[in-house]
Structure formats: structure tokens, C-alpha cells
């Protein structure tokens, strides 16, 4: 029987970290006692775990996006901001931005940097906020 293996010893550590958040130090996958069939089974299980982690991350981003947009709506409807741009100005007015990375960090803290909306928001904020000089 000719079995085709898809696992890759060189990238398993990266795959495992993406799936589980930690490196697989001392993992059986690297053991001399681990057969190629067992390695393939571990590889396949790790791919399933990666798919699950990606789905959870996407759900978290979507939830954060809904919460952020709700914050903007509340800032307009209940706190009196004239529009979304004003709401954004109010939400960022006490922040110190020393560069674009600080803007990205602010959007990242909201949990939405890696969304289309988050990337667009960074671009909008670049022209809205004051970039401070280092003192």
C-alpha cells in the first residue's frame, strides 16, 4: 500500500502554534517512536484545530465589529454626537497618537484592526487625529 503523507516536519511547529497558540515543545510528533501514520493523524487533527481557531477568531472579530459600531451609534443617538465622524473624534480625543502605529493599536484594542472596516477606519483616523511630536 502506497500512502501519501501531507505532513511537514519543518512547519508543524508553526501550524501547531497557529492552531493552539503555543509551540509544541516535546510533542510526540517529533519523537523517534512516532510513525508516519501517527504523524499524519496528528497533522490532520492539528489542521482541524486550526480551522476551528480561525472560525473562532473570525467570530470574535465580527462580535467586536458589532460592538464597535454599536458604540458609535450610542455615541450619536444617546450622547449627542452629530455624526459618526464626531463620535470618532470624541472617542479618540483623550488619546495620544505619535504615529500610525498608535492609530492601528487603538483600532486593534477595539478588536477590529484585521477587518475591512478596521483597515478603513485606520485610514479615516489618519486624517482625523492629531499626531503628536515626541518630546
N, C-alpha and C. Protein backbone atom coordinates (compact mmCIF):
# COMPACT_ATOMS: atom_id res chain seq x y z
N UNK A 1 0.85 -1.19 0.00
CA UNK A 1 0.00 0.00 0.00
C UNK A 1 0.89 1.25 0.00
N UNK A 2 0.63 2.13 -0.91
CA UNK A 2 1.41 3.34 -1.06
C UNK A 2 0.62 4.51 -0.46
N UNK A 3 1.02 4.96 0.75
CA UNK A 3 0.33 6.04 1.44
C UNK A 3 1.02 7.36 1.14
N UNK A 4 0.23 8.37 0.84
CA UNK A 4 0.76 9.71 0.62
C UNK A 4 0.60 10.50 1.91
N UNK A 5 1.70 11.02 2.39
CA UNK A 5 1.69 11.81 3.61
C UNK A 5 1.77 13.29 3.24
N UNK A 6 0.99 14.09 3.95
CA UNK A 6 0.99 15.53 3.68
C UNK A 6 1.65 16.32 4.79
N UNK A 7 2.00 15.67 5.90
CA UNK A 7 2.61 16.42 7.00
C UNK A 7 3.98 16.93 6.60
N UNK A 8 4.40 17.99 7.30
CA UNK A 8 5.69 18.60 7.02
C UNK A 8 6.37 18.87 8.36
N UNK A 9 7.45 18.17 8.61
CA UNK A 9 8.17 18.29 9.87
C UNK A 9 8.65 19.73 10.10
N UNK A 10 8.99 20.42 9.01
CA UNK A 10 9.57 21.76 9.13
C UNK A 10 8.55 22.83 9.52
N UNK A 11 7.29 22.63 9.21
CA UNK A 11 6.31 23.69 9.52
C UNK A 11 5.29 23.27 10.58
N UNK A 12 5.43 22.05 11.13
CA UNK A 12 4.48 21.60 12.14
C UNK A 12 4.42 22.55 13.33
N UNK A 13 5.57 23.04 13.78
CA UNK A 13 5.59 23.94 14.92
C UNK A 13 4.77 25.20 14.66
N UNK A 14 4.90 25.76 13.47
CA UNK A 14 4.12 26.96 13.12
C UNK A 14 2.63 26.64 13.02
N UNK A 15 2.33 25.52 12.39
CA UNK A 15 0.93 25.09 12.27
C UNK A 15 0.30 24.91 13.64
N UNK A 16 1.01 24.20 14.51
CA UNK A 16 0.52 23.92 15.85
C UNK A 16 0.30 25.23 16.63
N UNK A 17 1.26 26.16 16.51
CA UNK A 17 1.12 27.45 17.22
C UNK A 17 -0.09 28.22 16.70
N UNK A 18 -0.29 28.22 15.39
CA UNK A 18 -1.46 28.90 14.84
C UNK A 18 -2.76 28.27 15.35
N UNK A 19 -2.75 26.97 15.52
CA UNK A 19 -3.97 26.26 15.95
C UNK A 19 -4.20 26.37 17.45
N UNK A 20 -3.12 26.35 18.24
CA UNK A 20 -3.27 26.24 19.70
C UNK A 20 -2.68 27.41 20.49
N UNK A 21 -1.96 28.31 19.81
CA UNK A 21 -1.42 29.48 20.49
C UNK A 21 -0.09 29.27 21.18
N UNK A 22 0.43 28.05 21.19
CA UNK A 22 1.71 27.76 21.81
C UNK A 22 2.50 26.82 20.90
N UNK A 23 3.82 26.80 21.08
CA UNK A 23 4.67 25.88 20.32
C UNK A 23 4.56 24.48 20.92
N UNK A 24 4.72 23.46 20.09
CA UNK A 24 4.57 22.08 20.56
C UNK A 24 5.86 21.51 21.14
N UNK A 25 6.40 22.11 22.17
CA UNK A 25 7.67 21.66 22.74
C UNK A 25 7.53 20.23 23.28
N UNK A 26 8.45 19.36 22.87
CA UNK A 26 8.45 17.99 23.34
C UNK A 26 7.29 17.15 22.83
N UNK A 27 6.65 17.59 21.78
CA UNK A 27 5.46 16.90 21.25
C UNK A 27 5.83 15.54 20.66
N UNK A 28 4.94 14.58 20.82
CA UNK A 28 5.14 13.23 20.30
C UNK A 28 5.39 13.22 18.79
N UNK A 29 4.87 14.22 18.09
CA UNK A 29 5.07 14.33 16.65
C UNK A 29 6.55 14.24 16.28
N UNK A 30 7.42 14.78 17.14
CA UNK A 30 8.85 14.81 16.86
C UNK A 30 9.60 13.58 17.40
N UNK A 31 8.91 12.74 18.11
CA UNK A 31 9.53 11.57 18.71
C UNK A 31 9.96 10.54 17.66
N UNK A 32 11.07 9.88 17.91
CA UNK A 32 11.50 8.81 17.01
C UNK A 32 10.53 7.64 17.03
N UNK A 33 9.76 7.50 18.11
CA UNK A 33 8.78 6.43 18.21
C UNK A 33 7.50 6.70 17.42
N UNK A 34 7.31 7.94 17.01
CA UNK A 34 6.12 8.32 16.26
C UNK A 34 6.25 7.84 14.81
N UNK A 35 5.27 7.09 14.37
CA UNK A 35 5.29 6.59 12.99
C UNK A 35 4.76 7.66 12.05
N UNK A 36 5.02 7.48 10.78
CA UNK A 36 4.48 8.42 9.80
C UNK A 36 2.95 8.42 9.80
N UNK A 37 2.34 7.28 10.02
CA UNK A 37 0.86 7.24 10.11
C UNK A 37 0.38 8.07 11.30
N UNK A 38 1.07 7.95 12.43
CA UNK A 38 0.70 8.74 13.61
C UNK A 38 0.95 10.23 13.37
N UNK A 39 2.06 10.54 12.72
CA UNK A 39 2.34 11.95 12.40
C UNK A 39 1.24 12.53 11.49
N UNK A 40 0.83 11.73 10.52
CA UNK A 40 -0.23 12.21 9.62
C UNK A 40 -1.52 12.44 10.40
N UNK A 41 -1.85 11.54 11.34
CA UNK A 41 -3.06 11.70 12.14
C UNK A 41 -2.96 12.96 13.00
N UNK A 42 -1.80 13.21 13.60
CA UNK A 42 -1.59 14.42 14.41
C UNK A 42 -1.70 15.66 13.52
N UNK A 43 -1.09 15.59 12.35
CA UNK A 43 -1.15 16.70 11.38
C UNK A 43 -2.60 17.02 11.02
N UNK A 44 -3.35 15.98 10.69
CA UNK A 44 -4.75 16.17 10.31
C UNK A 44 -5.57 16.75 11.45
N UNK A 45 -5.33 16.27 12.68
CA UNK A 45 -6.04 16.81 13.85
C UNK A 45 -5.68 18.28 14.08
N UNK A 46 -4.42 18.61 13.83
CA UNK A 46 -3.99 20.00 14.00
C UNK A 46 -4.62 20.90 12.95
N UNK A 47 -4.79 20.40 11.74
CA UNK A 47 -5.47 21.17 10.70
C UNK A 47 -6.93 21.44 11.10
N UNK A 48 -7.58 20.45 11.69
CA UNK A 48 -8.96 20.64 12.16
C UNK A 48 -8.98 21.70 13.26
N UNK A 49 -8.01 21.62 14.18
CA UNK A 49 -7.93 22.60 15.26
C UNK A 49 -7.67 24.00 14.70
N UNK A 50 -6.85 24.08 13.65
CA UNK A 50 -6.58 25.38 13.02
C UNK A 50 -7.86 25.96 12.41
N UNK A 51 -8.61 25.12 11.71
CA UNK A 51 -9.88 25.59 11.13
C UNK A 51 -10.81 26.12 12.22
N UNK A 52 -10.86 25.41 13.35
CA UNK A 52 -11.71 25.84 14.47
C UNK A 52 -11.20 27.17 15.04
N UNK A 53 -9.87 27.30 15.20
CA UNK A 53 -9.30 28.54 15.73
C UNK A 53 -9.58 29.72 14.81
N UNK A 54 -9.47 29.50 13.51
CA UNK A 54 -9.75 30.56 12.54
C UNK A 54 -11.22 30.98 12.61
N UNK A 55 -12.10 30.00 12.70
CA UNK A 55 -13.54 30.31 12.79
C UNK A 55 -13.85 31.09 14.07
N UNK A 56 -13.22 30.70 15.18
CA UNK A 56 -13.44 31.41 16.44
C UNK A 56 -12.90 32.84 16.36
N UNK A 57 -11.74 32.99 15.73
CA UNK A 57 -11.16 34.32 15.57
C UNK A 57 -12.05 35.21 14.70
N UNK A 58 -12.58 34.65 13.64
CA UNK A 58 -13.48 35.42 12.78
C UNK A 58 -14.76 35.80 13.52
N UNK A 59 -15.26 34.89 14.33
CA UNK A 59 -16.47 35.19 15.12
C UNK A 59 -16.16 36.29 16.14
N UNK A 60 -14.99 36.22 16.76
CA UNK A 60 -14.60 37.26 17.72
C UNK A 60 -14.49 38.62 17.04
N UNK A 61 -13.89 38.64 15.85
CA UNK A 61 -13.77 39.91 15.11
C UNK A 61 -15.14 40.46 14.75
N UNK A 62 -16.03 39.59 14.31
CA UNK A 62 -17.37 40.03 13.94
C UNK A 62 -18.10 40.59 15.16
N UNK A 63 -17.96 39.91 16.29
CA UNK A 63 -18.59 40.37 17.53
C UNK A 63 -18.02 41.73 17.94
N UNK A 64 -16.70 41.89 17.83
CA UNK A 64 -16.06 43.16 18.17
C UNK A 64 -16.51 44.26 17.22
N UNK A 65 -16.68 43.93 15.96
CA UNK A 65 -17.13 44.90 14.98
C UNK A 65 -18.55 45.38 15.29
N UNK A 66 -19.42 44.46 15.63
CA UNK A 66 -20.79 44.81 16.01
C UNK A 66 -20.76 45.72 17.25
N UNK A 67 -19.93 45.36 18.23
CA UNK A 67 -19.85 46.16 19.46
C UNK A 67 -19.31 47.56 19.17
N UNK A 68 -18.30 47.66 18.31
CA UNK A 68 -17.72 48.96 17.99
C UNK A 68 -18.73 49.84 17.26
N UNK A 69 -19.41 49.27 16.29
CA UNK A 69 -20.41 50.04 15.55
C UNK A 69 -21.56 50.45 16.47
N UNK A 70 -21.89 49.60 17.43
CA UNK A 70 -22.94 49.94 18.40
C UNK A 70 -22.46 51.11 19.27
N UNK A 71 -21.18 51.10 19.65
CA UNK A 71 -20.62 52.21 20.43
C UNK A 71 -20.75 53.51 19.65
N UNK A 72 -20.46 53.47 18.37
CA UNK A 72 -20.61 54.68 17.55
C UNK A 72 -22.06 55.13 17.50
N UNK A 73 -22.97 54.18 17.32
CA UNK A 73 -24.41 54.51 17.27
C UNK A 73 -24.87 55.14 18.58
N UNK A 74 -24.44 54.57 19.71
CA UNK A 74 -24.83 55.10 21.01
C UNK A 74 -24.25 56.48 21.23
N UNK A 75 -23.01 56.68 20.78
CA UNK A 75 -22.38 57.99 20.93
C UNK A 75 -23.14 59.05 20.14
N UNK A 76 -23.72 58.66 19.03
CA UNK A 76 -24.54 59.60 18.24
C UNK A 76 -25.93 59.73 18.85
N UNK A 77 -26.61 58.62 19.04
CA UNK A 77 -28.02 58.67 19.43
C UNK A 77 -28.26 59.05 20.89
N UNK A 78 -27.37 58.64 21.79
CA UNK A 78 -27.62 58.91 23.21
C UNK A 78 -26.73 60.00 23.80
N UNK A 79 -25.56 60.20 23.23
CA UNK A 79 -24.64 61.18 23.80
C UNK A 79 -24.54 62.45 22.98
N UNK A 80 -25.21 62.51 21.85
CA UNK A 80 -25.34 63.75 21.13
C UNK A 80 -24.32 64.07 20.06
N UNK A 81 -23.49 63.10 19.70
CA UNK A 81 -22.57 63.38 18.59
C UNK A 81 -23.39 63.61 17.33
N UNK A 82 -22.96 64.56 16.51
CA UNK A 82 -23.73 64.92 15.32
C UNK A 82 -23.73 63.80 14.28
N UNK A 83 -22.63 63.06 14.22
CA UNK A 83 -22.49 62.00 13.21
C UNK A 83 -21.38 61.06 13.65
N UNK A 84 -21.11 60.06 12.81
CA UNK A 84 -20.09 59.07 13.15
C UNK A 84 -18.70 59.70 13.26
N UNK A 85 -18.40 60.65 12.40
CA UNK A 85 -17.10 61.30 12.45
C UNK A 85 -16.91 62.03 13.78
N UNK A 86 -17.95 62.71 14.22
CA UNK A 86 -17.87 63.39 15.52
C UNK A 86 -17.71 62.37 16.64
N UNK A 87 -18.45 61.28 16.55
CA UNK A 87 -18.33 60.21 17.55
C UNK A 87 -16.90 59.69 17.61
N UNK A 88 -16.29 59.48 16.46
CA UNK A 88 -14.90 59.01 16.42
C UNK A 88 -13.96 60.04 17.04
N UNK A 89 -14.20 61.31 16.76
CA UNK A 89 -13.37 62.36 17.35
C UNK A 89 -13.49 62.35 18.87
N UNK A 90 -14.72 62.21 19.35
CA UNK A 90 -14.94 62.16 20.79
C UNK A 90 -14.25 60.95 21.41
N UNK A 91 -14.35 59.81 20.74
CA UNK A 91 -13.78 58.58 21.29
C UNK A 91 -12.25 58.59 21.30
N UNK A 92 -11.66 59.40 20.45
CA UNK A 92 -10.20 59.43 20.36
C UNK A 92 -9.58 60.69 20.97
N UNK A 93 -10.41 61.61 21.44
CA UNK A 93 -9.88 62.91 21.85
C UNK A 93 -8.92 62.85 23.03
N UNK A 94 -8.99 61.87 23.88
CA UNK A 94 -8.09 61.78 25.02
C UNK A 94 -6.90 60.86 24.77
N UNK A 95 -6.77 60.41 23.55
CA UNK A 95 -5.67 59.51 23.18
C UNK A 95 -4.49 60.34 22.68
N UNK A 96 -3.30 59.82 22.89
CA UNK A 96 -2.08 60.42 22.33
C UNK A 96 -1.61 59.51 21.21
N UNK A 97 -1.54 60.04 20.02
CA UNK A 97 -1.07 59.30 18.86
C UNK A 97 0.25 59.91 18.41
N UNK A 98 1.29 59.08 18.39
CA UNK A 98 2.61 59.54 17.98
C UNK A 98 2.97 59.05 16.59
N UNK A 99 2.08 58.28 16.00
CA UNK A 99 2.31 57.76 14.66
C UNK A 99 1.17 56.84 14.26
N UNK A 100 1.25 56.35 13.05
CA UNK A 100 0.20 55.48 12.51
C UNK A 100 0.06 54.21 13.35
N UNK A 101 1.18 53.72 13.88
CA UNK A 101 1.10 52.50 14.69
C UNK A 101 0.22 52.70 15.92
N UNK A 102 0.21 53.89 16.47
CA UNK A 102 -0.66 54.16 17.62
C UNK A 102 -2.13 54.14 17.20
N UNK A 103 -2.41 54.64 16.01
CA UNK A 103 -3.77 54.57 15.49
C UNK A 103 -4.17 53.11 15.29
N UNK A 104 -3.28 52.35 14.67
CA UNK A 104 -3.55 50.92 14.46
C UNK A 104 -3.75 50.21 15.79
N UNK A 105 -2.94 50.59 16.79
CA UNK A 105 -3.09 49.96 18.11
C UNK A 105 -4.45 50.28 18.72
N UNK A 106 -4.91 51.50 18.57
CA UNK A 106 -6.22 51.88 19.09
C UNK A 106 -7.31 51.04 18.43
N UNK A 107 -7.22 50.87 17.13
CA UNK A 107 -8.21 50.05 16.40
C UNK A 107 -8.05 48.58 16.78
N UNK A 108 -6.82 48.13 16.97
CA UNK A 108 -6.56 46.75 17.39
C UNK A 108 -7.19 46.48 18.75
N UNK A 109 -7.05 47.44 19.70
CA UNK A 109 -7.64 47.26 21.03
C UNK A 109 -9.16 47.10 20.95
N UNK A 110 -9.76 47.70 19.93
CA UNK A 110 -11.20 47.53 19.73
C UNK A 110 -11.52 46.16 19.13
N UNK A 111 -10.48 45.43 18.72
CA UNK A 111 -10.68 44.09 18.19
C UNK A 111 -11.04 44.03 16.72
N UNK A 112 -10.84 45.14 16.00
CA UNK A 112 -11.32 45.19 14.62
C UNK A 112 -10.25 45.54 13.59
N UNK A 113 -8.98 45.60 14.01
CA UNK A 113 -7.92 46.02 13.08
C UNK A 113 -7.86 45.13 11.85
N UNK A 114 -8.04 43.84 12.03
CA UNK A 114 -7.89 42.91 10.91
C UNK A 114 -9.21 42.63 10.20
N UNK A 115 -10.06 43.64 10.16
CA UNK A 115 -11.29 43.57 9.38
C UNK A 115 -11.21 44.65 8.30
N UNK A 116 -12.02 44.52 7.27
CA UNK A 116 -12.05 45.56 6.23
C UNK A 116 -12.41 46.90 6.85
N UNK A 117 -13.41 46.90 7.74
CA UNK A 117 -13.83 48.13 8.39
C UNK A 117 -12.69 48.72 9.21
N UNK A 118 -11.98 47.87 9.93
CA UNK A 118 -10.87 48.34 10.76
C UNK A 118 -9.76 48.98 9.94
N UNK A 119 -9.44 48.37 8.81
CA UNK A 119 -8.40 48.94 7.94
C UNK A 119 -8.86 50.28 7.37
N UNK A 120 -10.14 50.37 7.01
CA UNK A 120 -10.70 51.63 6.52
C UNK A 120 -10.71 52.68 7.63
N UNK A 121 -11.01 52.23 8.84
CA UNK A 121 -11.05 53.14 9.98
C UNK A 121 -9.67 53.74 10.26
N UNK A 122 -8.63 52.93 10.16
CA UNK A 122 -7.26 53.46 10.34
C UNK A 122 -7.02 54.57 9.34
N UNK A 123 -7.40 54.36 8.10
CA UNK A 123 -7.20 55.40 7.07
C UNK A 123 -8.00 56.66 7.40
N UNK A 124 -9.23 56.49 7.85
CA UNK A 124 -10.05 57.67 8.22
C UNK A 124 -9.42 58.41 9.39
N UNK A 125 -8.97 57.65 10.39
CA UNK A 125 -8.43 58.28 11.59
C UNK A 125 -7.12 59.01 11.31
N UNK A 126 -6.38 58.57 10.32
CA UNK A 126 -5.12 59.25 9.98
C UNK A 126 -5.37 60.73 9.68
N UNK A 127 -6.48 61.02 9.06
CA UNK A 127 -6.76 62.42 8.71
C UNK A 127 -7.58 63.13 9.80
N UNK A 128 -8.03 62.40 10.80
CA UNK A 128 -8.86 62.99 11.85
C UNK A 128 -8.11 63.32 13.12
N UNK A 129 -7.15 62.48 13.48
CA UNK A 129 -6.49 62.66 14.78
C UNK A 129 -5.22 63.49 14.61
N UNK A 130 -4.75 64.01 15.72
CA UNK A 130 -3.50 64.77 15.75
C UNK A 130 -2.37 63.82 16.09
N UNK A 131 -1.35 63.81 15.24
CA UNK A 131 -0.16 63.03 15.52
C UNK A 131 0.77 63.93 16.32
N UNK A 132 1.05 63.54 17.55
CA UNK A 132 1.87 64.33 18.46
C UNK A 132 3.35 64.17 18.13
N UNK A 133 4.11 65.15 18.50
CA UNK A 133 5.57 65.08 18.38
C UNK A 133 6.12 64.44 19.66
N UNK A 134 7.14 63.64 19.50
CA UNK A 134 7.82 63.08 20.69
C UNK A 134 8.50 64.21 21.41
N UNK A 135 8.39 64.21 22.72
CA UNK A 135 9.06 65.29 23.48
C UNK A 135 10.22 64.76 24.30
